[in-house]
Amino acid sequence: MRVRENNREQSVEDVASEKAVELLLQLGRPQGMMAASEGYAPALWTRDIMITHLGAALVNDDCFQTSFRVSLETLARSQSPLGQIPNAYFSPTVCARNSRDTLLKRGCSLSRG
């Protein structure tokens, strides 16, 4: 199937791929790849990072390799003495931009970091 996007005809797959890459580029933060865009859970979710980067590895862009490395380093800093990796990392810098009520609704603890 072909669609018209940006005044040119492309396959649906090409358009979807371009939009997915654009979204992933928006989700990159200094702490790693966030789970959702602004206004949603301000966190790195371990499972989501792993799945996202499996797909992103197919994109020829060093940005994604760097994002994956930074995400893993952020999670490693939160690793327990027994070696457990947290399910999520809540960024204090991202959390600080949200109101206290919003943070509590989303389960974001200001004591984490």
Foldseek 3Di string as FASTA:
>chain_A
DWDADPNDIDDPVVVVVVVLVVQQVQQQDQQAGAQHHPPAQQKDFVVSLVVSLVVVVVPPDVVSVVRSVSNVVNQVVVADPVGDGDRIAHDLVSVVVDDPVVCVVNVHDNVGD
